[in-house]
């Protein structure tokens, strides 16, 4: 089975960090930013799974 890697662009990484910084400053806590990180990681895993399913021979 072929392996696919999803990489963040520099712009996407900067945007993600800005989102984390915004919510950390707004809430005066890092907890929500950590929840967002977990959500981002779950979405990436789902995207990788979908890509792998599309690559499977039928």
Protein backbone atom coordinates (compact mmCIF):
# COMPACT_ATOMS: atom_id res chain seq x y z
CA UNK A 1 0.00 0.00 0.00
CA UNK A 2 1.34 3.43 -0.95
CA UNK A 3 1.93 5.94 1.80
CA UNK A 4 0.94 9.57 1.42
CA UNK A 5 2.14 12.47 3.51
CA UNK A 6 0.25 15.67 4.08
CA UNK A 7 2.54 18.65 4.69
CA UNK A 8 1.62 22.07 5.97
CA UNK A 9 2.73 24.98 3.80
CA UNK A 10 4.61 27.82 5.48
CA UNK A 11 1.53 30.05 5.19
CA UNK A 12 -0.76 27.39 6.65
CA UNK A 13 1.64 26.83 9.55
CA UNK A 14 1.79 30.57 10.24
CA UNK A 15 -2.01 30.81 10.13
CA UNK A 16 -2.36 27.84 12.47
CA UNK A 17 0.06 29.38 14.97
CA UNK A 18 -1.78 32.72 14.75
CA UNK A 19 -5.05 30.92 15.55
CA UNK A 20 -3.44 29.25 18.56
CA UNK A 21 -2.01 32.57 19.75
CA UNK A 22 -5.36 34.33 19.34
CA UNK A 23 -7.27 31.76 21.40
CA UNK A 24 -4.53 31.52 24.02
CA UNK A 25 -4.58 35.30 24.51
CA UNK A 26 -8.37 35.53 24.39
CA UNK A 27 -8.97 32.75 26.92
CA UNK A 28 -5.80 33.33 28.97
CA UNK A 29 -5.28 29.58 28.74
CA UNK A 30 -3.62 27.17 26.33
CA UNK A 31 -6.29 24.48 26.75
CA UNK A 32 -8.42 25.52 23.77
CA UNK A 33 -5.35 25.77 21.52
CA UNK A 34 -4.43 22.22 22.57
CA UNK A 35 -7.94 21.04 21.67
CA UNK A 36 -7.58 22.71 18.27
CA UNK A 37 -4.24 20.96 17.72
CA UNK A 38 -5.87 17.62 18.48
CA UNK A 39 -8.69 18.41 16.06
CA UNK A 40 -6.24 19.42 13.31
CA UNK A 41 -4.36 16.14 13.80
CA UNK A 42 -7.57 14.10 13.62
CA UNK A 43 -8.54 15.80 10.37
CA UNK A 44 -5.12 15.08 8.88
CA UNK A 45 -5.42 11.40 9.82
CA UNK A 46 -8.86 11.28 8.19
CA UNK A 47 -7.54 12.93 5.02
CA UNK A 48 -4.68 10.44 4.86
CA UNK A 49 -7.11 7.54 5.28
CA UNK A 50 -9.31 8.87 2.48
CA UNK A 51 -6.32 9.33 0.17
CA UNK A 52 -5.14 5.79 0.85
CA UNK A 53 -8.60 4.43 0.09
CA UNK A 54 -8.61 6.25 -3.23
CA UNK A 55 -5.23 4.77 -4.13
CA UNK A 56 -6.27 1.17 -3.50
CA UNK A 57 -6.70 -0.86 -6.66
CA UNK A 58 -10.29 -1.88 -7.27
